[in-house]
Amino acid sequence: MKITPQCVVSLTWTLKDTLGETLDELDEPVEFLLGGDDLLAKIEEKLQGLEPEAELELHLEPEDAFGDFDDRKLFLEPRAAFPQELEEGMTFEGLPEGCNPEAPRDLVYFVSEIYPEHVVLDANHPLAGIALRLQLKVHEVREAYAEEIGQGTMGTGFFRLGGQASENQGLVNSSGQTLH
């Protein structure tokens, strides 16, 4: 079966930056829903018409991946507004009480720097502004079930898309860890 919109495709991949550093490697095939929220639009576009065992190499500029870095999404917030146990890379959906009331509340922020009196929060995707190289291999293709289409995801989405908060979440690697 060829890949078409609203089908389920099983993929493996290697994701690298343009310097060749591996950011993620998916060795075991994982299912993704095309036409849903699981994959970036450029990836879905390039997969169309491919069949099992096909391999594809993509170069994704930031505008086709996670967007350009936006320094307006950086916020300096009081350290006292955050839990004592705070580490760089931690994520917060929205901001705690006592933070900048002008900062959007519907974004996911990650802690980029910690100072004694302040915390730097970043609502950019961790890979914003980075061009990516992606090597994909198609393992299986099947028609999507109605309930899968209704959910819009297979629940294993690597590239979390959709609403404001999910668009800015950390990239979840194949082990289920958020990359920062």
N, C-alpha and C. Protein backbone atom coordinates (compact mmCIF):
# COMPACT_ATOMS: atom_id res chain seq x y z
N MET A 1 0.83 -1.18 0.00
CA MET A 1 0.00 0.00 0.00
C MET A 1 0.88 1.24 0.00
N LYS A 2 0.52 2.22 -0.78
CA LYS A 2 1.22 3.49 -0.83
C LYS A 2 0.70 4.42 0.28
N ILE A 3 1.57 5.32 0.71
CA ILE A 3 1.19 6.30 1.73
C ILE A 3 0.25 7.33 1.12
N THR A 4 -0.87 7.52 1.78
CA THR A 4 -1.88 8.50 1.38
C THR A 4 -2.30 9.28 2.61
N PRO A 5 -3.03 10.40 2.41
CA PRO A 5 -3.53 11.11 3.60
C PRO A 5 -4.44 10.18 4.41
N GLN A 6 -4.45 10.37 5.70
CA GLN A 6 -5.27 9.59 6.63
C GLN A 6 -4.91 8.11 6.62
N CYS A 7 -3.62 7.82 6.60
CA CYS A 7 -3.18 6.44 6.77
C CYS A 7 -2.22 6.40 7.95
N VAL A 8 -1.89 5.19 8.36
CA VAL A 8 -0.94 5.00 9.46
C VAL A 8 0.34 4.44 8.85
N VAL A 9 1.44 5.06 9.19
CA VAL A 9 2.73 4.65 8.66
C VAL A 9 3.66 4.33 9.83
N SER A 10 4.40 3.26 9.68
CA SER A 10 5.36 2.83 10.69
C SER A 10 6.75 3.26 10.21
N LEU A 11 7.46 4.05 11.04
CA LEU A 11 8.73 4.65 10.63
C LEU A 11 9.84 4.38 11.63
N THR A 12 11.07 4.41 11.11
CA THR A 12 12.27 4.58 11.93
C THR A 12 13.00 5.78 11.35
N TRP A 13 13.90 6.39 12.15
CA TRP A 13 14.62 7.53 11.63
C TRP A 13 15.86 7.84 12.43
N THR A 14 16.66 8.72 11.85
CA THR A 14 17.76 9.37 12.54
C THR A 14 17.59 10.86 12.29
N LEU A 15 17.56 11.63 13.37
CA LEU A 15 17.40 13.08 13.30
C LEU A 15 18.71 13.71 13.72
N LYS A 16 19.25 14.58 12.84
CA LYS A 16 20.52 15.25 13.12
C LYS A 16 20.38 16.74 12.86
N ASP A 17 21.28 17.51 13.48
CA ASP A 17 21.36 18.91 13.11
C ASP A 17 22.29 19.02 11.90
N THR A 18 22.48 20.21 11.37
CA THR A 18 23.28 20.35 10.15
C THR A 18 24.77 20.14 10.37
N LEU A 19 25.20 20.08 11.63
CA LEU A 19 26.60 19.78 11.93
C LEU A 19 26.82 18.27 12.04
N GLY A 20 25.73 17.50 11.91
CA GLY A 20 25.85 16.05 11.96
C GLY A 20 25.65 15.45 13.34
N GLU A 21 25.34 16.27 14.36
CA GLU A 21 25.11 15.73 15.70
C GLU A 21 23.75 15.05 15.74
N THR A 22 23.73 13.80 16.19
CA THR A 22 22.48 13.05 16.28
C THR A 22 21.66 13.57 17.46
N LEU A 23 20.43 13.99 17.15
CA LEU A 23 19.51 14.49 18.17
C LEU A 23 18.58 13.40 18.65
N ASP A 24 18.25 12.47 17.77
CA ASP A 24 17.39 11.35 18.14
C ASP A 24 17.54 10.25 17.11
N GLU A 25 17.42 9.02 17.59
CA GLU A 25 17.47 7.87 16.69
C GLU A 25 16.37 6.92 17.12
N LEU A 26 15.51 6.60 16.19
CA LEU A 26 14.40 5.69 16.44
C LEU A 26 14.72 4.38 15.72
N ASP A 27 15.14 3.37 16.49
CA ASP A 27 15.57 2.09 15.90
C ASP A 27 14.41 1.13 15.65
N GLU A 28 13.43 1.15 16.54
CA GLU A 28 12.26 0.27 16.39
C GLU A 28 11.13 1.06 15.74
N PRO A 29 10.45 0.47 14.75
CA PRO A 29 9.37 1.20 14.06
C PRO A 29 8.26 1.65 15.01
N VAL A 30 7.78 2.87 14.78
CA VAL A 30 6.69 3.46 15.55
C VAL A 30 5.64 3.95 14.56
N GLU A 31 4.36 3.77 14.91
CA GLU A 31 3.26 4.18 14.04
C GLU A 31 2.90 5.64 14.25
N PHE A 32 2.64 6.32 13.11
CA PHE A 32 2.22 7.72 13.11
C PHE A 32 1.03 7.86 12.17
N LEU A 33 0.13 8.76 12.54
CA LEU A 33 -1.04 9.04 11.71
C LEU A 33 -0.72 10.21 10.78
N LEU A 34 -0.80 9.95 9.47
CA LEU A 34 -0.67 11.04 8.51
C LEU A 34 -2.01 11.75 8.41
N GLY A 35 -1.97 13.06 8.32
CA GLY A 35 -3.19 13.83 8.29
C GLY A 35 -3.67 14.18 9.68
N GLY A 36 -2.86 13.88 10.68
CA GLY A 36 -3.20 14.20 12.06
C GLY A 36 -2.17 15.16 12.63
N ASP A 37 -1.87 15.01 13.91
CA ASP A 37 -0.94 15.90 14.60
C ASP A 37 0.40 15.26 14.91
N ASP A 38 0.68 14.09 14.33
CA ASP A 38 1.89 13.36 14.70
C ASP A 38 3.16 13.85 14.02
N LEU A 39 3.07 14.32 12.79
CA LEU A 39 4.26 14.66 12.02
C LEU A 39 4.16 16.08 11.47
N LEU A 40 5.31 16.66 11.20
CA LEU A 40 5.36 17.98 10.57
C LEU A 40 4.82 17.90 9.15
N ALA A 41 4.21 18.99 8.69
CA ALA A 41 3.59 19.03 7.36
C ALA A 41 4.57 18.67 6.24
N LYS A 42 5.81 19.15 6.32
CA LYS A 42 6.80 18.88 5.27
C LYS A 42 7.15 17.39 5.22
N ILE A 43 7.19 16.75 6.39
CA ILE A 43 7.47 15.31 6.42
C ILE A 43 6.31 14.55 5.78
N GLU A 44 5.08 14.90 6.16
CA GLU A 44 3.91 14.25 5.57
C GLU A 44 3.89 14.42 4.06
N GLU A 45 4.18 15.62 3.60
CA GLU A 45 4.19 15.91 2.16
C GLU A 45 5.17 15.00 1.43
N LYS A 46 6.37 14.85 1.96
CA LYS A 46 7.41 14.06 1.30
C LYS A 46 7.16 12.56 1.40
N LEU A 47 6.37 12.13 2.38
CA LEU A 47 6.05 10.70 2.51
C LEU A 47 4.97 10.23 1.53
N GLN A 48 4.15 11.17 1.04
CA GLN A 48 3.03 10.81 0.17
C GLN A 48 3.51 9.97 -1.02
N GLY A 49 2.83 8.87 -1.26
CA GLY A 49 3.12 8.02 -2.41
C GLY A 49 4.20 6.98 -2.19
N LEU A 50 4.91 7.06 -1.07
CA LEU A 50 5.95 6.06 -0.79
C LEU A 50 5.33 4.76 -0.32
N GLU A 51 6.10 3.69 -0.42
CA GLU A 51 5.66 2.36 -0.02
C GLU A 51 6.60 1.81 1.04
N PRO A 52 6.21 0.70 1.70
CA PRO A 52 7.11 0.08 2.67
C PRO A 52 8.49 -0.20 2.08
N GLU A 53 9.48 -0.05 2.91
CA GLU A 53 10.91 -0.21 2.60
C GLU A 53 11.51 1.03 1.93
N ALA A 54 10.70 2.03 1.63
CA ALA A 54 11.24 3.27 1.05
C ALA A 54 12.07 4.00 2.10
N GLU A 55 13.11 4.67 1.63
CA GLU A 55 13.95 5.48 2.50
C GLU A 55 13.96 6.89 1.95
N LEU A 56 14.05 7.85 2.84
CA LEU A 56 13.92 9.25 2.47
C LEU A 56 14.87 10.08 3.32
N GLU A 57 15.57 11.01 2.68
CA GLU A 57 16.41 11.95 3.41
C GLU A 57 15.82 13.33 3.21
N LEU A 58 15.60 14.04 4.30
CA LEU A 58 15.02 15.38 4.25
C LEU A 58 15.94 16.38 4.94
N HIS A 59 15.97 17.57 4.38
CA HIS A 59 16.60 18.71 5.02
C HIS A 59 15.47 19.67 5.33
N LEU A 60 15.27 19.95 6.61
CA LEU A 60 14.19 20.83 7.03
C LEU A 60 14.75 22.14 7.56
N GLU A 61 14.43 23.22 6.89
CA GLU A 61 14.79 24.55 7.39
C GLU A 61 13.88 24.85 8.58
N PRO A 62 14.27 25.78 9.44
CA PRO A 62 13.45 26.08 10.62
C PRO A 62 11.98 26.34 10.31
N GLU A 63 11.69 27.05 9.21
CA GLU A 63 10.29 27.35 8.90
C GLU A 63 9.48 26.10 8.56
N ASP A 64 10.15 25.01 8.17
CA ASP A 64 9.46 23.75 7.89
C ASP A 64 9.51 22.80 9.08
N ALA A 65 10.21 23.20 10.13
CA ALA A 65 10.35 22.34 11.31
C ALA A 65 9.69 23.03 12.51
N PHE A 66 10.48 23.68 13.35
CA PHE A 66 9.95 24.25 14.59
C PHE A 66 10.00 25.76 14.64
N GLY A 67 10.16 26.39 13.48
CA GLY A 67 10.12 27.84 13.38
C GLY A 67 11.43 28.49 13.77
N ASP A 68 11.49 29.79 13.54
CA ASP A 68 12.65 30.58 13.91
C ASP A 68 12.62 30.86 15.41
N PHE A 69 13.79 31.07 15.98
CA PHE A 69 13.89 31.43 17.39
C PHE A 69 13.32 32.83 17.55
N ASP A 70 12.47 33.02 18.55
CA ASP A 70 11.80 34.29 18.80
C ASP A 70 12.18 34.79 20.19
N ASP A 71 13.03 35.82 20.25
CA ASP A 71 13.48 36.30 21.56
C ASP A 71 12.35 36.95 22.36
N ARG A 72 11.20 37.19 21.74
CA ARG A 72 10.04 37.70 22.48
C ARG A 72 9.39 36.60 23.33
N LYS A 73 9.86 35.36 23.17
CA LYS A 73 9.35 34.25 23.97
C LYS A 73 10.29 33.91 25.13
N LEU A 74 11.22 34.82 25.44
CA LEU A 74 12.11 34.67 26.59
C LEU A 74 11.60 35.57 27.70
N PHE A 75 11.54 35.03 28.92
CA PHE A 75 11.01 35.79 30.05
C PHE A 75 11.93 35.62 31.26
N LEU A 76 12.24 36.73 31.90
CA LEU A 76 13.03 36.74 33.13
C LEU A 76 12.03 36.85 34.27
N GLU A 77 11.95 35.81 35.09
CA GLU A 77 10.94 35.73 36.15
C GLU A 77 11.60 35.58 37.52
N PRO A 78 10.90 35.99 38.59
CA PRO A 78 11.49 35.88 39.94
C PRO A 78 11.69 34.42 40.35
N ARG A 79 12.86 34.14 40.90
CA ARG A 79 13.19 32.78 41.34
C ARG A 79 12.21 32.28 42.40
N ALA A 80 11.72 33.19 43.25
CA ALA A 80 10.82 32.82 44.35
C ALA A 80 9.48 32.26 43.86
N ALA A 81 9.12 32.48 42.60
CA ALA A 81 7.84 31.99 42.07
C ALA A 81 7.91 30.50 41.69
N PHE A 82 9.09 29.92 41.79
CA PHE A 82 9.28 28.53 41.33
C PHE A 82 9.63 27.61 42.49
N PRO A 83 9.39 26.32 42.28
CA PRO A 83 9.71 25.36 43.34
C PRO A 83 11.20 25.38 43.69
N GLN A 84 11.52 25.02 44.92
CA GLN A 84 12.91 24.96 45.36
C GLN A 84 13.72 24.01 44.47
N GLU A 85 13.11 22.87 44.14
CA GLU A 85 13.76 21.86 43.29
C GLU A 85 13.58 22.29 41.83
N LEU A 86 14.46 23.09 41.33
CA LEU A 86 14.37 23.61 39.97
C LEU A 86 15.65 23.31 39.22
N GLU A 87 15.51 22.80 38.00
CA GLU A 87 16.67 22.47 37.18
C GLU A 87 16.49 23.02 35.78
N GLU A 88 17.60 23.33 35.13
CA GLU A 88 17.54 23.75 33.73
C GLU A 88 16.95 22.60 32.92
N GLY A 89 16.07 22.96 31.98
CA GLY A 89 15.43 21.96 31.14
C GLY A 89 14.04 21.57 31.62
N MET A 90 13.70 21.88 32.88
CA MET A 90 12.35 21.57 33.36
C MET A 90 11.33 22.37 32.55
N THR A 91 10.14 21.80 32.38
CA THR A 91 9.10 22.50 31.64
C THR A 91 7.92 22.84 32.53
N PHE A 92 7.24 23.92 32.17
CA PHE A 92 6.05 24.39 32.88
C PHE A 92 5.00 24.72 31.84
N GLU A 93 3.81 24.19 32.03
CA GLU A 93 2.70 24.57 31.17
C GLU A 93 2.08 25.81 31.79
N GLY A 94 2.31 26.95 31.13
CA GLY A 94 1.90 28.23 31.71
C GLY A 94 2.92 28.66 32.75
N LEU A 95 2.65 29.81 33.35
CA LEU A 95 3.57 30.36 34.35
C LEU A 95 2.96 30.33 35.74
N PRO A 96 3.78 30.13 36.77
CA PRO A 96 3.27 30.14 38.15
C PRO A 96 2.81 31.55 38.56
N GLU A 97 2.06 31.61 39.65
CA GLU A 97 1.65 32.89 40.22
C GLU A 97 2.90 33.70 40.56
N GLY A 98 2.80 35.01 40.41
CA GLY A 98 3.92 35.87 40.73
C GLY A 98 4.82 36.17 39.55
N CYS A 99 4.50 35.60 38.40
CA CYS A 99 5.29 35.86 37.20
C CYS A 99 4.65 36.97 36.38
N ASN A 100 5.32 37.39 35.36
CA ASN A 100 4.90 38.47 34.48
C ASN A 100 3.45 38.26 34.01
N PRO A 101 2.55 39.15 34.38
CA PRO A 101 1.15 38.99 33.97
C PRO A 101 0.95 39.19 32.46
N GLU A 102 1.92 39.80 31.79
CA GLU A 102 1.84 40.02 30.34
C GLU A 102 2.25 38.78 29.55
N ALA A 103 2.94 37.84 30.18
CA ALA A 103 3.41 36.63 29.49
C ALA A 103 2.23 35.73 29.17
N PRO A 104 2.18 35.18 27.96
CA PRO A 104 1.08 34.28 27.59
C PRO A 104 1.00 33.09 28.55
N ARG A 105 -0.20 32.74 28.94
CA ARG A 105 -0.41 31.64 29.88
C ARG A 105 -0.63 30.30 29.17
N ASP A 106 -0.81 30.32 27.84
CA ASP A 106 -1.14 29.10 27.12
C ASP A 106 0.07 28.47 26.42
N LEU A 107 1.26 28.82 26.84
CA LEU A 107 2.46 28.25 26.24
C LEU A 107 3.13 27.29 27.22
N VAL A 108 4.00 26.45 26.68
CA VAL A 108 4.84 25.60 27.51
C VAL A 108 6.21 26.26 27.55
N TYR A 109 6.72 26.48 28.76
CA TYR A 109 7.99 27.14 28.97
C TYR A 109 9.01 26.14 29.49
N PHE A 110 10.26 26.29 29.07
CA PHE A 110 11.30 25.47 29.71
C PHE A 110 12.31 26.40 30.35
N VAL A 111 12.87 25.93 31.43
CA VAL A 111 13.85 26.71 32.20
C VAL A 111 15.18 26.64 31.45
N SER A 112 15.64 27.80 30.98
CA SER A 112 16.91 27.79 30.23
C SER A 112 18.09 28.22 31.09
N GLU A 113 17.84 29.06 32.10
CA GLU A 113 18.93 29.47 33.00
C GLU A 113 18.34 29.76 34.38
N ILE A 114 19.14 29.50 35.41
CA ILE A 114 18.72 29.76 36.79
C ILE A 114 19.77 30.65 37.46
N TYR A 115 19.31 31.75 38.03
CA TYR A 115 20.15 32.67 38.78
C TYR A 115 19.62 32.74 40.21
N PRO A 116 20.39 33.27 41.15
CA PRO A 116 19.91 33.32 42.54
C PRO A 116 18.57 34.05 42.69
N GLU A 117 18.35 35.13 41.94
CA GLU A 117 17.13 35.92 42.09
C GLU A 117 16.15 35.77 40.93
N HIS A 118 16.60 35.19 39.81
CA HIS A 118 15.75 35.12 38.62
C HIS A 118 15.90 33.79 37.89
N VAL A 119 14.89 33.50 37.08
CA VAL A 119 14.87 32.32 36.23
C VAL A 119 14.57 32.79 34.81
N VAL A 120 15.30 32.28 33.83
CA VAL A 120 15.02 32.59 32.44
C VAL A 120 14.16 31.46 31.88
N LEU A 121 12.98 31.83 31.40
CA LEU A 121 12.06 30.87 30.80
C LEU A 121 12.00 31.11 29.30
N ASP A 122 11.91 30.02 28.56
CA ASP A 122 11.91 30.09 27.10
C ASP A 122 10.71 29.32 26.58
N ALA A 123 9.86 29.98 25.81
CA ALA A 123 8.68 29.32 25.23
C ALA A 123 8.91 28.91 23.79
N ASN A 124 10.13 29.07 23.28
CA ASN A 124 10.46 28.56 21.95
C ASN A 124 10.57 27.05 22.03
N HIS A 125 10.29 26.38 20.93
CA HIS A 125 10.55 24.95 20.87
C HIS A 125 12.05 24.76 21.03
N PRO A 126 12.51 23.72 21.72
CA PRO A 126 13.95 23.53 21.91
C PRO A 126 14.74 23.45 20.61
N LEU A 127 14.08 23.11 19.50
CA LEU A 127 14.78 23.04 18.22
C LEU A 127 14.42 24.21 17.30
N ALA A 128 13.82 25.26 17.86
CA ALA A 128 13.50 26.46 17.06
C ALA A 128 14.79 27.07 16.54
N GLY A 129 14.75 27.50 15.29
CA GLY A 129 15.90 28.14 14.68
C GLY A 129 16.96 27.19 14.17
N ILE A 130 16.71 25.90 14.27
CA ILE A 130 17.70 24.90 13.86
C ILE A 130 17.22 24.18 12.60
N ALA A 131 18.10 24.13 11.60
CA ALA A 131 17.82 23.31 10.42
C ALA A 131 18.12 21.86 10.78
N LEU A 132 17.29 20.96 10.31
CA LEU A 132 17.40 19.55 10.67
C LEU A 132 17.60 18.66 9.45
N ARG A 133 18.29 17.56 9.66
CA ARG A 133 18.42 16.52 8.63
C ARG A 133 17.76 15.27 9.20
N LEU A 134 16.88 14.69 8.40
CA LEU A 134 16.10 13.56 8.86
C LEU A 134 16.20 12.43 7.84
N GLN A 135 16.67 11.29 8.29
CA GLN A 135 16.69 10.08 7.46
C GLN A 135 15.57 9.18 7.95
N LEU A 136 14.62 8.89 7.07
CA LEU A 136 13.45 8.09 7.42
C LEU A 136 13.44 6.78 6.66
N LYS A 137 12.89 5.76 7.29
CA LYS A 137 12.63 4.50 6.59
C LYS A 137 11.19 4.11 6.89
N VAL A 138 10.45 3.80 5.83
CA VAL A 138 9.06 3.37 5.96
C VAL A 138 9.07 1.85 6.14
N HIS A 139 8.40 1.37 7.19
CA HIS A 139 8.35 -0.07 7.44
C HIS A 139 7.01 -0.66 7.05
N GLU A 140 5.92 -0.01 7.46
CA GLU A 140 4.59 -0.52 7.13
C GLU A 140 3.66 0.66 6.83
N VAL A 141 2.63 0.39 6.04
CA VAL A 141 1.61 1.38 5.74
C VAL A 141 0.27 0.66 5.81
N ARG A 142 -0.70 1.28 6.46
CA ARG A 142 -2.05 0.71 6.51
C ARG A 142 -3.08 1.83 6.56
N GLU A 143 -4.30 1.49 6.24
CA GLU A 143 -5.37 2.47 6.34
C GLU A 143 -5.62 2.77 7.82
N ALA A 144 -5.94 4.02 8.10
CA ALA A 144 -6.25 4.41 9.47
C ALA A 144 -7.68 4.03 9.80
N TYR A 145 -7.91 3.61 11.04
CA TYR A 145 -9.26 3.32 11.52
C TYR A 145 -9.96 4.65 11.84
N ALA A 146 -11.27 4.63 11.78
CA ALA A 146 -12.07 5.85 12.03
C ALA A 146 -11.73 6.46 13.39
N GLU A 147 -11.57 5.63 14.42
CA GLU A 147 -11.26 6.18 15.75
C GLU A 147 -9.88 6.82 15.80
N GLU A 148 -8.93 6.29 15.02
CA GLU A 148 -7.60 6.90 14.96
C GLU A 148 -7.68 8.27 14.29
N ILE A 149 -8.44 8.35 13.22
CA ILE A 149 -8.61 9.62 12.52
C ILE A 149 -9.29 10.62 13.45
N GLY A 150 -10.29 10.17 14.18
CA GLY A 150 -11.01 11.03 15.12
C GLY A 150 -10.11 11.58 16.22
N GLN A 151 -9.14 10.79 16.66
CA GLN A 151 -8.21 11.23 17.71
C GLN A 151 -7.17 12.20 17.15
N GLY A 152 -6.87 12.07 15.86
CA GLY A 152 -5.88 12.94 15.23
C GLY A 152 -4.45 12.57 15.53
N THR A 153 -4.23 11.46 16.23
CA THR A 153 -2.89 11.03 16.59
C THR A 153 -2.89 9.55 16.93
N MET A 154 -1.74 8.96 16.80
CA MET A 154 -1.57 7.58 17.27
C MET A 154 -1.11 7.57 18.72
N GLY A 155 -0.91 8.75 19.27
CA GLY A 155 -0.49 8.86 20.67
C GLY A 155 1.00 8.69 20.85
N THR A 156 1.71 8.48 19.78
CA THR A 156 3.16 8.31 19.86
C THR A 156 3.86 9.42 19.10
N GLY A 157 3.16 10.54 18.91
CA GLY A 157 3.71 11.63 18.12
C GLY A 157 5.03 12.13 18.63
N PHE A 158 5.99 12.14 17.77
CA PHE A 158 7.31 12.66 18.08
C PHE A 158 7.31 14.17 17.96
N PHE A 159 6.70 14.65 16.89
CA PHE A 159 6.60 16.09 16.66
C PHE A 159 5.22 16.50 17.13
N ARG A 160 5.14 17.00 18.33
CA ARG A 160 3.84 17.33 18.91
C ARG A 160 3.34 18.63 18.32
N LEU A 161 2.21 18.53 17.66
CA LEU A 161 1.62 19.69 17.00
C LEU A 161 0.20 19.87 17.48
N GLY A 162 -0.42 20.93 17.03
CA GLY A 162 -1.82 21.13 17.36
C GLY A 162 -2.02 22.45 18.04
N GLY A 163 -2.35 22.45 19.33
CA GLY A 163 -2.64 23.68 20.06
C GLY A 163 -1.39 24.45 20.43
N GLN A 164 -1.58 25.65 20.97
CA GLN A 164 -0.48 26.50 21.37
C GLN A 164 0.50 25.76 22.28
N ALA A 165 -0.03 25.18 23.34
CA ALA A 165 0.87 24.55 24.31
C ALA A 165 1.62 23.40 23.69
N SER A 166 0.93 22.55 22.95
CA SER A 166 1.62 21.39 22.41
C SER A 166 2.61 21.76 21.33
N GLU A 167 2.36 22.85 20.62
CA GLU A 167 3.27 23.28 19.58
C GLU A 167 4.61 23.68 20.15
N ASN A 168 4.62 24.13 21.37
CA ASN A 168 5.84 24.63 21.97
C ASN A 168 6.42 23.68 23.00
N GLN A 169 5.90 22.48 23.07
CA GLN A 169 6.44 21.52 24.02
C GLN A 169 7.81 21.06 23.56
N GLY A 170 8.51 20.45 24.49
CA GLY A 170 9.79 19.87 24.15
C GLY A 170 9.58 18.74 23.17
N LEU A 171 10.61 18.48 22.43
CA LEU A 171 10.59 17.38 21.48
C LEU A 171 10.75 16.10 22.28
N VAL A 172 9.84 15.17 22.11
CA VAL A 172 9.89 13.92 22.85
C VAL A 172 10.62 12.90 22.00
N ASN A 173 11.70 12.34 22.54
CA ASN A 173 12.46 11.40 21.73
C ASN A 173 11.85 10.01 21.78
N SER A 174 12.48 9.08 21.09
CA SER A 174 11.92 7.74 20.95
C SER A 174 11.85 6.98 22.27
N SER A 175 12.55 7.47 23.29
CA SER A 175 12.48 6.84 24.60
C SER A 175 11.43 7.50 25.49
N GLY A 176 10.72 8.48 24.94
CA GLY A 176 9.70 9.17 25.71
C GLY A 176 10.25 10.31 26.54
N GLN A 177 11.53 10.66 26.37
CA GLN A 177 12.13 11.75 27.12
C GLN A 177 11.99 13.05 26.34
N THR A 178 11.82 14.16 27.05
CA THR A 178 11.75 15.45 26.40
C THR A 178 13.16 15.97 26.17
N LEU A 179 13.46 16.36 24.93
CA LEU A 179 14.76 16.93 24.61
C LEU A 179 14.74 18.42 24.90
N HIS A 180 15.81 18.92 25.51
CA HIS A 180 15.91 20.36 25.80
C HIS A 180 17.23 20.87 25.34
